[in-house]
Amino acid sequence: DRDYAYSEEEKEERERHRGKYKNYIDSLRTERLAKLQERTERVPSELKTFDTDVDLGIKPACGLKPPKVKQGKKKNLEPIVKVPEGLTDKVMTSVELATRQFNKETNCSNLPAS
């Protein structure tokens, strides 16, 4: 369709723009590579080569143990959250929760929880 096609002038303008953009990207790449080359040249030669044949005998995490908590420290620890009276260690059922909530709302604390 002629209405949507580029004219010859538009095609030439697009190609010129692409060429400028490509040159710009290429110049950024050459600058980056030159900086990288400069940095690698400044590194001493001792650090450039590695002697991988030498075995230091180090095993990662070999012999590491977590610290043990002493008995004296355990006595000083207090529970962060204090359990309210009347609660047990078990998980309450939905009926028990509803009864407890009902008792709180109606101030009937003398009724049994379950």
PDB file of N, CA and C in Angstrom:
ATOM      1  N   ASP A   1       0.849  -1.178   0.000  1.00  0.00           N
ATOM      2  CA  ASP A   1       0.000   0.000   0.000  1.00  0.00           C
ATOM      3  C   ASP A   1       0.889   1.234   0.000  1.00  0.00           C
ATOM      4  N   ARG A   2       0.636   2.136  -0.925  1.00  0.00           N
ATOM      5  CA  ARG A   2       1.467   3.326  -1.091  1.00  0.00           C
ATOM      6  C   ARG A   2       1.324   4.305   0.064  1.00  0.00           C
ATOM      7  N   ASP A   3       0.161   4.326   0.715  1.00  0.00           N
ATOM      8  CA  ASP A   3      -0.064   5.286   1.802  1.00  0.00           C
ATOM      9  C   ASP A   3       0.804   4.970   3.023  1.00  0.00           C
ATOM     10  N   TYR A   4       1.113   3.689   3.212  1.00  0.00           N
ATOM     11  CA  TYR A   4       1.862   3.292   4.404  1.00  0.00           C
ATOM     12  C   TYR A   4       3.322   2.979   4.124  1.00  0.00           C
ATOM     13  N   ALA A   5       3.760   2.993   2.894  1.00  0.00           N
ATOM     14  CA  ALA A   5       5.140   2.685   2.535  1.00  0.00           C
ATOM     15  C   ALA A   5       6.005   3.932   2.708  1.00  0.00           C
ATOM     16  N   TYR A   6       7.320   3.704   2.984  1.00  0.00           N
ATOM     17  CA  TYR A   6       8.254   4.820   3.097  1.00  0.00           C
ATOM     18  C   TYR A   6       8.592   5.346   1.710  1.00  0.00           C
ATOM     19  N   SER A   7       8.761   6.648   1.632  1.00  0.00           N
ATOM     20  CA  SER A   7       9.232   7.225   0.367  1.00  0.00           C
ATOM     21  C   SER A   7      10.740   7.015   0.297  1.00  0.00           C
ATOM     22  N   GLU A   8      11.341   7.319  -0.844  1.00  0.00           N
ATOM     23  CA  GLU A   8      12.783   7.136  -1.014  1.00  0.00           C
ATOM     24  C   GLU A   8      13.557   8.026  -0.042  1.00  0.00           C
ATOM     25  N   GLU A   9      13.085   9.246   0.179  1.00  0.00           N
ATOM     26  CA  GLU A   9      13.762  10.164   1.104  1.00  0.00           C
ATOM     27  C   GLU A   9      13.693   9.632   2.544  1.00  0.00           C
ATOM     28  N   GLU A  10      12.541   9.096   2.915  1.00  0.00           N
ATOM     29  CA  GLU A  10      12.389   8.555   4.269  1.00  0.00           C
ATOM     30  C   GLU A  10      13.280   7.328   4.471  1.00  0.00           C
ATOM     31  N   LYS A  11      13.383   6.481   3.439  1.00  0.00           N
ATOM     32  CA  LYS A  11      14.250   5.319   3.532  1.00  0.00           C
ATOM     33  C   LYS A  11      15.706   5.731   3.714  1.00  0.00           C
ATOM     34  N   GLU A  12      16.150   6.740   2.951  1.00  0.00           N
ATOM     35  CA  GLU A  12      17.525   7.219   3.070  1.00  0.00           C
ATOM     36  C   GLU A  12      17.768   7.831   4.452  1.00  0.00           C
ATOM     37  N   GLU A  13      16.795   8.581   4.959  1.00  0.00           N
ATOM     38  CA  GLU A  13      16.928   9.188   6.284  1.00  0.00           C
ATOM     39  C   GLU A  13      17.025   8.108   7.378  1.00  0.00           C
ATOM     40  N   ARG A  14      16.222   7.056   7.235  1.00  0.00           N
ATOM     41  CA  ARG A  14      16.270   5.946   8.203  1.00  0.00           C
ATOM     42  C   ARG A  14      17.637   5.255   8.171  1.00  0.00           C
ATOM     43  N   GLU A  15      18.169   5.039   6.976  1.00  0.00           N
ATOM     44  CA  GLU A  15      19.471   4.386   6.858  1.00  0.00           C
ATOM     45  C   GLU A  15      20.573   5.261   7.454  1.00  0.00           C
ATOM     46  N   ARG A  16      20.524   6.579   7.238  1.00  0.00           N
ATOM     47  CA  ARG A  16      21.511   7.481   7.826  1.00  0.00           C
ATOM     48  C   ARG A  16      21.428   7.440   9.357  1.00  0.00           C
ATOM     49  N   HIS A  17      20.207   7.435   9.872  1.00  0.00           N
ATOM     50  CA  HIS A  17      20.017   7.389  11.324  1.00  0.00           C
ATOM     51  C   HIS A  17      20.540   6.073  11.902  1.00  0.00           C
ATOM     52  N   ARG A  18      20.267   4.977  11.222  1.00  0.00           N
ATOM     53  CA  ARG A  18      20.776   3.678  11.665  1.00  0.00           C
ATOM     54  C   ARG A  18      22.294   3.654  11.665  1.00  0.00           C
ATOM     55  N   GLY A  19      22.887   4.241  10.642  1.00  0.00           N
ATOM     56  CA  GLY A  19      24.353   4.287  10.544  1.00  0.00           C
ATOM     57  C   GLY A  19      24.948   5.103  11.691  1.00  0.00           C
ATOM     58  N   LYS A  20      24.342   6.265  11.994  1.00  0.00           N
ATOM     59  CA  LYS A  20      24.831   7.098  13.094  1.00  0.00           C
ATOM     60  C   LYS A  20      24.709   6.357  14.425  1.00  0.00           C
ATOM     61  N   TYR A  21      23.579   5.704  14.627  1.00  0.00           N
ATOM     62  CA  TYR A  21      23.345   4.982  15.885  1.00  0.00           C
ATOM     63  C   TYR A  21      24.322   3.820  16.020  1.00  0.00           C
ATOM     64  N   LYS A  22      24.559   3.088  14.928  1.00  0.00           N
ATOM     65  CA  LYS A  22      25.497   1.967  14.951  1.00  0.00           C
ATOM     66  C   LYS A  22      26.899   2.464  15.261  1.00  0.00           C
ATOM     67  N   ASN A  23      27.304   3.582  14.661  1.00  0.00           N
ATOM     68  CA  ASN A  23      28.631   4.149  14.938  1.00  0.00           C
ATOM     69  C   ASN A  23      28.756   4.560  16.406  1.00  0.00           C
ATOM     70  N   TYR A  24      27.687   5.129  16.957  1.00  0.00           N
ATOM     71  CA  TYR A  24      27.691   5.551  18.355  1.00  0.00           C
ATOM     72  C   TYR A  24      27.855   4.345  19.287  1.00  0.00           C
ATOM     73  N   ILE A  25      27.100   3.287  19.033  1.00  0.00           N
ATOM     74  CA  ILE A  25      27.182   2.080  19.852  1.00  0.00           C
ATOM     75  C   ILE A  25      28.565   1.448  19.728  1.00  0.00           C
ATOM     76  N   ASP A  26      29.109   1.415  18.518  1.00  0.00           N
ATOM     77  CA  ASP A  26      30.445   0.860  18.311  1.00  0.00           C
ATOM     78  C   ASP A  26      31.508   1.665  19.047  1.00  0.00           C
ATOM     79  N   SER A  27      31.368   2.993  19.056  1.00  0.00           N
ATOM     80  CA  SER A  27      32.353   3.819  19.763  1.00  0.00           C
ATOM     81  C   SER A  27      32.274   3.581  21.273  1.00  0.00           C
ATOM     82  N   LEU A  28      31.076   3.405  21.818  1.00  0.00           N
ATOM     83  CA  LEU A  28      30.942   3.102  23.240  1.00  0.00           C
ATOM     84  C   LEU A  28      31.612   1.773  23.569  1.00  0.00           C
ATOM     85  N   ARG A  29      31.457   0.800  22.685  1.00  0.00           N
ATOM     86  CA  ARG A  29      32.054  -0.517  22.915  1.00  0.00           C
ATOM     87  C   ARG A  29      33.572  -0.431  22.890  1.00  0.00           C
ATOM     88  N   THR A  30      34.124   0.283  21.935  1.00  0.00           N
ATOM     89  CA  THR A  30      35.588   0.393  21.853  1.00  0.00           C
ATOM     90  C   THR A  30      36.138   1.128  23.075  1.00  0.00           C
ATOM     91  N   GLU A  31      35.441   2.158  23.553  1.00  0.00           N
ATOM     92  CA  GLU A  31      35.880   2.862  24.770  1.00  0.00           C
ATOM     93  C   GLU A  31      35.861   1.921  25.974  1.00  0.00           C
ATOM     94  N   ARG A  32      34.809   1.142  26.092  1.00  0.00           N
ATOM     95  CA  ARG A  32      34.690   0.211  27.215  1.00  0.00           C
ATOM     96  C   ARG A  32      35.795  -0.833  27.171  1.00  0.00           C
ATOM     97  N   LEU A  33      36.067  -1.379  25.991  1.00  0.00           N
ATOM     98  CA  LEU A  33      37.121  -2.374  25.860  1.00  0.00           C
ATOM     99  C   LEU A  33      38.503  -1.776  26.119  1.00  0.00           C
ATOM    100  N   ALA A  34      38.712  -0.515  25.711  1.00  0.00           N
ATOM    101  CA  ALA A  34      39.996   0.142  25.970  1.00  0.00           C
ATOM    102  C   ALA A  34      40.200   0.338  27.471  1.00  0.00           C
ATOM    103  N   LYS A  35      39.153   0.739  28.190  1.00  0.00           N
ATOM    104  CA  LYS A  35      39.253   0.905  29.647  1.00  0.00           C
ATOM    105  C   LYS A  35      39.542  -0.434  30.324  1.00  0.00           C
ATOM    106  N   LEU A  36      38.894  -1.475  29.857  1.00  0.00           N
ATOM    107  CA  LEU A  36      39.116  -2.800  30.424  1.00  0.00           C
ATOM    108  C   LEU A  36      40.552  -3.256  30.181  1.00  0.00           C
ATOM    109  N   GLN A  37      41.054  -3.017  28.999  1.00  0.00           N
ATOM    110  CA  GLN A  37      42.429  -3.382  28.659  1.00  0.00           C
ATOM    111  C   GLN A  37      43.409  -2.619  29.542  1.00  0.00           C
ATOM    112  N   GLU A  38      43.138  -1.343  29.755  1.00  0.00           N
ATOM    113  CA  GLU A  38      44.007  -0.509  30.594  1.00  0.00           C
ATOM    114  C   GLU A  38      44.033  -1.030  32.036  1.00  0.00           C
ATOM    115  N   ARG A  39      42.862  -1.415  32.545  1.00  0.00           N
ATOM    116  CA  ARG A  39      42.789  -1.944  33.911  1.00  0.00           C
ATOM    117  C   ARG A  39      43.552  -3.256  34.048  1.00  0.00           C
ATOM    118  N   THR A  40      43.431  -4.128  33.046  1.00  0.00           N
ATOM    119  CA  THR A  40      44.111  -5.421  33.135  1.00  0.00           C
ATOM    120  C   THR A  40      45.618  -5.268  32.990  1.00  0.00           C
ATOM    121  N   GLU A  41      46.077  -4.241  32.302  1.00  0.00           N
ATOM    122  CA  GLU A  41      47.513  -4.017  32.170  1.00  0.00           C
ATOM    123  C   GLU A  41      48.118  -3.520  33.471  1.00  0.00           C
ATOM    124  N   ARG A  42      47.341  -2.849  34.306  1.00  0.00           N
ATOM    125  CA  ARG A  42      47.843  -2.316  35.573  1.00  0.00           C
ATOM    126  C   ARG A  42      47.948  -3.379  36.666  1.00  0.00           C
ATOM    127  N   VAL A  43      47.349  -4.540  36.472  1.00  0.00           N
ATOM    128  CA  VAL A  43      47.390  -5.609  37.474  1.00  0.00           C
ATOM    129  C   VAL A  43      48.776  -6.235  37.481  1.00  0.00           C
ATOM    130  N   PRO A  44      49.374  -6.417  38.677  1.00  0.00           N
ATOM    131  CA  PRO A  44      50.708  -7.042  38.725  1.00  0.00           C
ATOM    132  C   PRO A  44      50.675  -8.455  38.162  1.00  0.00           C
ATOM    133  N   SER A  45      51.809  -8.881  37.632  1.00  0.00           N
ATOM    134  CA  SER A  45      51.872 -10.194  36.984  1.00  0.00           C
ATOM    135  C   SER A  45      51.667 -11.323  37.984  1.00  0.00           C
ATOM    136  N   GLU A  46      51.992 -11.099  39.272  1.00  0.00           N
ATOM    137  CA  GLU A  46      51.794 -12.149  40.275  1.00  0.00           C
ATOM    138  C   GLU A  46      50.320 -12.492  40.426  1.00  0.00           C
ATOM    139  N   LEU A  47      49.462 -11.514  40.223  1.00  0.00           N
ATOM    140  CA  LEU A  47      48.043 -11.744  40.391  1.00  0.00           C
ATOM    141  C   LEU A  47      47.375 -12.285  39.129  1.00  0.00           C
ATOM    142  N   LYS A  48      48.063 -12.201  38.017  1.00  0.00           N
ATOM    143  CA  LYS A  48      47.472 -12.676  36.766  1.00  0.00           C
ATOM    144  C   LYS A  48      47.541 -14.192  36.648  1.00  0.00           C
ATOM    145  N   THR A  49      48.590 -14.789  37.170  1.00  0.00           N
ATOM    146  CA  THR A  49      48.738 -16.234  37.054  1.00  0.00           C
ATOM    147  C   THR A  49      48.424 -16.888  38.388  1.00  0.00           C
ATOM    148  N   PHE A  50      47.819 -18.054  38.315  1.00  0.00           N
ATOM    149  CA  PHE A  50      47.471 -18.811  39.502  1.00  0.00           C
ATOM    150  C   PHE A  50      48.147 -20.168  39.434  1.00  0.00           C
ATOM    151  N   ASP A  51      48.737 -20.574  40.537  1.00  0.00           N
ATOM    152  CA  ASP A  51      49.352 -21.893  40.610  1.00  0.00           C
ATOM    153  C   ASP A  51      48.322 -22.840  41.195  1.00  0.00           C
ATOM    154  N   THR A  52      47.565 -23.493  40.315  1.00  0.00           N
ATOM    155  CA  THR A  52      46.468 -24.340  40.767  1.00  0.00           C
ATOM    156  C   THR A  52      46.929 -25.731  41.166  1.00  0.00           C
ATOM    157  N   ASP A  53      48.212 -26.049  40.964  1.00  0.00           N
ATOM    158  CA  ASP A  53      48.708 -27.370  41.320  1.00  0.00           C
ATOM    159  C   ASP A  53      48.955 -27.507  42.817  1.00  0.00           C
ATOM    160  N   VAL A  54      49.055 -26.395  43.524  1.00  0.00           N
ATOM    161  CA  VAL A  54      49.334 -26.438  44.953  1.00  0.00           C
ATOM    162  C   VAL A  54      48.043 -26.714  45.706  1.00  0.00           C
ATOM    163  N   ASP A  55      48.059 -27.760  46.545  1.00  0.00           N
ATOM    164  CA  ASP A  55      46.904 -28.110  47.359  1.00  0.00           C
ATOM    165  C   ASP A  55      47.166 -27.628  48.780  1.00  0.00           C
ATOM    166  N   LEU A  56      46.353 -26.713  49.263  1.00  0.00           N
ATOM    167  CA  LEU A  56      46.530 -26.185  50.607  1.00  0.00           C
ATOM    168  C   LEU A  56      45.947 -27.102  51.660  1.00  0.00           C
ATOM    169  N   GLY A  57      45.155 -28.078  51.284  1.00  0.00           N
ATOM    170  CA  GLY A  57      44.568 -29.017  52.227  1.00  0.00           C
ATOM    171  C   GLY A  57      43.412 -28.442  53.018  1.00  0.00           C
ATOM    172  N   ILE A  58      42.806 -27.406  52.511  1.00  0.00           N
ATOM    173  CA  ILE A  58      41.683 -26.778  53.200  1.00  0.00           C
ATOM    174  C   ILE A  58      40.388 -27.380  52.673  1.00  0.00           C
ATOM    175  N   LYS A  59      39.548 -27.820  53.587  1.00  0.00           N
ATOM    176  CA  LYS A  59      38.240 -28.339  53.213  1.00  0.00           C
ATOM    177  C   LYS A  59      37.193 -27.354  53.695  1.00  0.00           C
ATOM    178  N   PRO A  60      36.278 -26.920  52.842  1.00  0.00           N
ATOM    179  CA  PRO A  60      35.277 -25.949  53.252  1.00  0.00           C
ATOM    180  C   PRO A  60      34.401 -26.492  54.377  1.00  0.00           C
ATOM    181  N   ALA A  61      34.218 -25.703  55.408  1.00  0.00           N
ATOM    182  CA  ALA A  61      33.359 -25.996  56.558  1.00  0.00           C
ATOM    183  C   ALA A  61      33.791 -27.252  57.308  1.00  0.00           C
ATOM    184  N   CYS A  62      35.029 -27.625  57.195  1.00  0.00           N
ATOM    185  CA  CYS A  62      35.513 -28.818  57.876  1.00  0.00           C
ATOM    186  C   CYS A  62      35.779 -28.483  59.336  1.00  0.00           C
ATOM    187  N   GLY A  63      35.080 -29.154  60.218  1.00  0.00           N
ATOM    188  CA  GLY A  63      35.308 -28.970  61.644  1.00  0.00           C
ATOM    189  C   GLY A  63      34.541 -27.820  62.258  1.00  0.00           C
ATOM    190  N   LEU A  64      33.737 -27.130  61.512  1.00  0.00           N
ATOM    191  CA  LEU A  64      32.963 -26.033  62.076  1.00  0.00           C
ATOM    192  C   LEU A  64      31.776 -26.596  62.835  1.00  0.00           C
ATOM    193  N   LYS A  65      31.593 -26.126  64.045  1.00  0.00           N
ATOM    194  CA  LYS A  65      30.471 -26.574  64.857  1.00  0.00           C
ATOM    195  C   LYS A  65      29.749 -25.347  65.399  1.00  0.00           C
ATOM    196  N   PRO A  66      28.429 -25.424  65.555  1.00  0.00           N
ATOM    197  CA  PRO A  66      27.707 -24.271  66.096  1.00  0.00           C
ATOM    198  C   PRO A  66      28.032 -24.104  67.579  1.00  0.00           C
ATOM    199  N   PRO A  67      27.966 -22.873  68.072  1.00  0.00           N
ATOM    200  CA  PRO A  67      28.254 -22.666  69.491  1.00  0.00           C
ATOM    201  C   PRO A  67      27.201 -23.335  70.363  1.00  0.00           C
ATOM    202  N   LYS A  68      27.647 -23.877  71.496  1.00  0.00           N
ATOM    203  CA  LYS A  68      26.732 -24.541  72.413  1.00  0.00           C
ATOM    204  C   LYS A  68      26.260 -23.554  73.464  1.00  0.00           C
ATOM    205  N   VAL A  69      24.987 -23.646  73.822  1.00  0.00           N
ATOM    206  CA  VAL A  69      24.430 -22.795  74.858  1.00  0.00           C
ATOM    207  C   VAL A  69      24.708 -23.459  76.194  1.00  0.00           C
ATOM    208  N   LYS A  70      25.326 -22.726  77.096  1.00  0.00           N
ATOM    209  CA  LYS A  70      25.658 -23.274  78.399  1.00  0.00           C
ATOM    210  C   LYS A  70      24.424 -23.286  79.280  1.00  0.00           C
ATOM    211  N   GLN A  71      24.440 -24.143  80.285  1.00  0.00           N
ATOM    212  CA  GLN A  71      23.301 -24.291  81.188  1.00  0.00           C
ATOM    213  C   GLN A  71      23.007 -22.991  81.924  1.00  0.00           C
ATOM    214  N   GLY A  72      24.024 -22.234  82.293  1.00  0.00           N
ATOM    215  CA  GLY A  72      23.826 -20.979  83.015  1.00  0.00           C
ATOM    216  C   GLY A  72      23.063 -19.962  82.180  1.00  0.00           C
ATOM    217  N   LYS A  73      23.268 -19.978  80.894  1.00  0.00           N
ATOM    218  CA  LYS A  73      22.577 -19.038  80.025  1.00  0.00           C
ATOM    219  C   LYS A  73      21.102 -19.392  79.878  1.00  0.00           C
ATOM    220  N   LYS A  74      20.781 -20.674  79.941  1.00  0.00           N
ATOM    221  CA  LYS A  74      19.391 -21.091  79.781  1.00  0.00           C
ATOM    222  C   LYS A  74      18.527 -20.608  80.936  1.00  0.00           C
ATOM    223  N   LYS A  75      19.088 -20.573  82.151  1.00  0.00           N
ATOM    224  CA  LYS A  75      18.318 -20.153  83.312  1.00  0.00           C
ATOM    225  C   LYS A  75      17.948 -18.683  83.239  1.00  0.00           C
ATOM    226  N   ASN A  76      18.813 -17.880  82.643  1.00  0.00           N
ATOM    227  CA  ASN A  76      18.568 -16.442  82.575  1.00  0.00           C
ATOM    228  C   ASN A  76      17.545 -16.067  81.513  1.00  0.00           C
ATOM    229  N   LEU A  77      17.264 -16.975  80.619  1.00  0.00           N
ATOM    230  CA  LEU A  77      16.317 -16.671  79.550  1.00  0.00           C
ATOM    231  C   LEU A  77      14.895 -16.725  80.080  1.00  0.00           C
ATOM    232  N   GLU A  78      14.143 -15.677  79.838  1.00  0.00           N
ATOM    233  CA  GLU A  78      12.737 -15.643  80.237  1.00  0.00           C
ATOM    234  C   GLU A  78      11.894 -15.742  78.977  1.00  0.00           C
ATOM    235  N   PRO A  79      10.718 -16.342  79.102  1.00  0.00           N
ATOM    236  CA  PRO A  79       9.874 -16.415  77.909  1.00  0.00           C
ATOM    237  C   PRO A  79       9.465 -15.009  77.468  1.00  0.00           C
ATOM    238  N   ILE A  80       9.470 -14.798  76.174  1.00  0.00           N
ATOM    239  CA  ILE A  80       9.132 -13.483  75.619  1.00  0.00           C
ATOM    240  C   ILE A  80       7.642 -13.214  75.784  1.00  0.00           C
ATOM    241  N   VAL A  81       6.841 -14.207  75.516  1.00  0.00           N
ATOM    242  CA  VAL A  81       5.390 -14.066  75.617  1.00  0.00           C
ATOM    243  C   VAL A  81       4.926 -14.907  76.794  1.00  0.00           C
ATOM    244  N   LYS A  82       4.230 -14.280  77.720  1.00  0.00           N
ATOM    245  CA  LYS A  82       3.707 -15.029  78.860  1.00  0.00           C
ATOM    246  C   LYS A  82       2.329 -15.556  78.503  1.00  0.00           C
ATOM    247  N   VAL A  83       2.105 -16.810  78.804  1.00  0.00           N
ATOM    248  CA  VAL A  83       0.840 -17.461  78.487  1.00  0.00           C
ATOM    249  C   VAL A  83      -0.198 -17.018  79.514  1.00  0.00           C
ATOM    250  N   PRO A  84      -1.336 -16.485  79.060  1.00  0.00           N
ATOM    251  CA  PRO A  84      -2.378 -16.070  79.998  1.00  0.00           C
ATOM    252  C   PRO A  84      -2.915 -17.257  80.784  1.00  0.00           C
ATOM    253  N   GLU A  85      -3.428 -16.974  81.961  1.00  0.00           N
ATOM    254  CA  GLU A  85      -3.970 -18.039  82.798  1.00  0.00           C
ATOM    255  C   GLU A  85      -5.166 -18.686  82.116  1.00  0.00           C
ATOM    256  N   GLY A  86      -5.324 -19.958  82.328  1.00  0.00           N
ATOM    257  CA  GLY A  86      -6.448 -20.676  81.747  1.00  0.00           C
ATOM    258  C   GLY A  86      -6.148 -21.285  80.400  1.00  0.00           C
ATOM    259  N   LEU A  87      -5.050 -20.880  79.777  1.00  0.00           N
ATOM    260  CA  LEU A  87      -4.691 -21.469  78.486  1.00  0.00           C
ATOM    261  C   LEU A  87      -3.778 -22.656  78.717  1.00  0.00           C
ATOM    262  N   THR A  88      -3.951 -23.653  77.927  1.00  0.00           N
ATOM    263  CA  THR A  88      -3.090 -24.832  78.001  1.00  0.00           C
ATOM    264  C   THR A  88      -2.196 -24.852  76.776  1.00  0.00           C
ATOM    265  N   ASP A  89      -1.364 -25.860  76.712  1.00  0.00           N
ATOM    266  CA  ASP A  89      -0.438 -25.967  75.588  1.00  0.00           C
ATOM    267  C   ASP A  89      -1.096 -26.503  74.330  1.00  0.00           C
ATOM    268  N   LYS A  90      -2.310 -27.010  74.450  1.00  0.00           N
ATOM    269  CA  LYS A  90      -2.959 -27.587  73.280  1.00  0.00           C
ATOM    270  C   LYS A  90      -3.619 -26.487  72.432  1.00  0.00           C
ATOM    271  N   VAL A  91      -3.896 -26.815  71.207  1.00  0.00           N
ATOM    272  CA  VAL A  91      -4.575 -25.900  70.298  1.00  0.00           C
ATOM    273  C   VAL A  91      -6.070 -25.992  70.582  1.00  0.00           C
ATOM    274  N   MET A  92      -6.698 -24.843  70.733  1.00  0.00           N
ATOM    275  CA  MET A  92      -8.124 -24.820  71.064  1.00  0.00           C
ATOM    276  C   MET A  92      -8.961 -25.103  69.825  1.00  0.00           C
ATOM    277  N   THR A  93     -10.071 -25.768  70.037  1.00  0.00           N
ATOM    278  CA  THR A  93     -10.985 -26.047  68.936  1.00  0.00           C
ATOM    279  C   THR A  93     -11.815 -24.806  68.663  1.00  0.00           C
ATOM    280  N   SER A  94     -12.524 -24.806  67.550  1.00  0.00           N
ATOM    281  CA  SER A  94     -13.347 -23.654  67.211  1.00  0.00           C
ATOM    282  C   SER A  94     -14.474 -23.460  68.217  1.00  0.00           C
ATOM    283  N   VAL A  95     -14.990 -24.536  68.769  1.00  0.00           N
ATOM    284  CA  VAL A  95     -16.052 -24.440  69.780  1.00  0.00           C
ATOM    285  C   VAL A  95     -15.497 -23.793  71.046  1.00  0.00           C
ATOM    286  N   GLU A  96     -14.287 -24.206  71.462  1.00  0.00           N
ATOM    287  CA  GLU A  96     -13.671 -23.617  72.647  1.00  0.00           C
ATOM    288  C   GLU A  96     -13.385 -22.136  72.447  1.00  0.00           C
ATOM    289  N   LEU A  97     -12.901 -21.785  71.275  1.00  0.00           N
ATOM    290  CA  LEU A  97     -12.645 -20.372  70.975  1.00  0.00           C
ATOM    291  C   LEU A  97     -13.929 -19.565  71.001  1.00  0.00           C
ATOM    292  N   ALA A  98     -14.989 -20.085  70.403  1.00  0.00           N
ATOM    293  CA  ALA A  98     -16.271 -19.375  70.377  1.00  0.00           C
ATOM    294  C   ALA A  98     -16.822 -19.221  71.781  1.00  0.00           C
ATOM    295  N   THR A  99     -16.707 -20.251  72.605  1.00  0.00           N
ATOM    296  CA  THR A  99     -17.193 -20.189  73.980  1.00  0.00           C
ATOM    297  C   THR A  99     -16.403 -19.159  74.769  1.00  0.00           C
ATOM    298  N   ARG A 100     -15.097 -19.152  74.612  1.00  0.00           N
ATOM    299  CA  ARG A 100     -14.255 -18.185  75.319  1.00  0.00           C
ATOM    300  C   ARG A 100     -14.617 -16.757  74.894  1.00  0.00           C
ATOM    301  N   GLN A 101     -14.796 -16.546  73.595  1.00  0.00           N
ATOM    302  CA  GLN A 101     -15.151 -15.224  73.088  1.00  0.00           C
ATOM    303  C   GLN A 101     -16.515 -14.812  73.623  1.00  0.00           C
ATOM    304  N   PHE A 102     -17.469 -15.713  73.646  1.00  0.00           N
ATOM    305  CA  PHE A 102     -18.812 -15.423  74.162  1.00  0.00           C
ATOM    306  C   PHE A 102     -18.734 -15.044  75.641  1.00  0.00           C
ATOM    307  N   ASN A 103     -17.930 -15.791  76.408  1.00  0.00           N
ATOM    308  CA  ASN A 103     -17.790 -15.505  77.833  1.00  0.00           C
ATOM    309  C   ASN A 103     -17.178 -14.128  78.070  1.00  0.00           C
ATOM    310  N   LYS A 104     -16.217 -13.744  77.240  1.00  0.00           N
ATOM    311  CA  LYS A 104     -15.600 -12.421  77.387  1.00  0.00           C
ATOM    312  C   LYS A 104     -16.596 -11.321  77.065  1.00  0.00           C
ATOM    313  N   GLU A 105     -17.379 -11.509  76.030  1.00  0.00           N
ATOM    314  CA  GLU A 105     -18.333 -10.478  75.616  1.00  0.00           C
ATOM    315  C   GLU A 105     -19.470 -10.323  76.614  1.00  0.00           C
ATOM    316  N   THR A 106     -19.888 -11.404  77.223  1.00  0.00           N
ATOM    317  CA  THR A 106     -21.023 -11.342  78.151  1.00  0.00           C
ATOM    318  C   THR A 106     -20.580 -11.267  79.605  1.00  0.00           C
ATOM    319  N   ASN A 107     -19.250 -11.179  79.828  1.00  0.00           N
ATOM    320  CA  ASN A 107     -18.685 -11.140  81.180  1.00  0.00           C
ATOM    321  C   ASN A 107     -19.121 -12.319  82.025  1.00  0.00           C
ATOM    322  N   CYS A 108     -19.240 -13.448  81.429  1.00  0.00           N
ATOM    323  CA  CYS A 108     -19.589 -14.683  82.126  1.00  0.00           C
ATOM    324  C   CYS A 108     -18.324 -15.514  82.305  1.00  0.00           C
ATOM    325  N   SER A 109     -17.368 -14.991  82.992  1.00  0.00           N
ATOM    326  CA  SER A 109     -16.097 -15.689  83.139  1.00  0.00           C
ATOM    327  C   SER A 109     -16.183 -16.882  84.052  1.00  0.00           C
ATOM    328  N   ASN A 110     -17.260 -16.981  84.821  1.00  0.00           N
ATOM    329  CA  ASN A 110     -17.364 -18.110  85.724  1.00  0.00           C
ATOM    330  C   ASN A 110     -17.860 -19.385  85.038  1.00  0.00           C
ATOM    331  N   LEU A 111     -18.270 -19.275  83.769  1.00  0.00           N
ATOM    332  CA  LEU A 111     -18.709 -20.461  83.030  1.00  0.00           C
ATOM    333  C   LEU A 111     -17.497 -21.233  82.548  1.00  0.00           C
ATOM    334  N   PRO A 112     -17.597 -22.531  82.435  1.00  0.00           N
ATOM    335  CA  PRO A 112     -16.456 -23.310  81.934  1.00  0.00           C
ATOM    336  C   PRO A 112     -16.176 -22.986  80.454  1.00  0.00           C
ATOM    337  N   ALA A 113     -14.914 -23.103  80.059  1.00  0.00           N
ATOM    338  CA  ALA A 113     -14.523 -22.756  78.687  1.00  0.00           C
ATOM    339  C   ALA A 113     -14.988 -23.787  77.700  1.00  0.00           C
ATOM    340  N   SER A 114     -15.205 -25.034  78.112  1.00  0.00           N
ATOM    341  CA  SER A 114     -15.640 -26.044  77.133  1.00  0.00           C
ATOM    342  C   SER A 114     -16.704 -26.933  77.695  1.00  0.00           C
TER     343      SER A 114
END
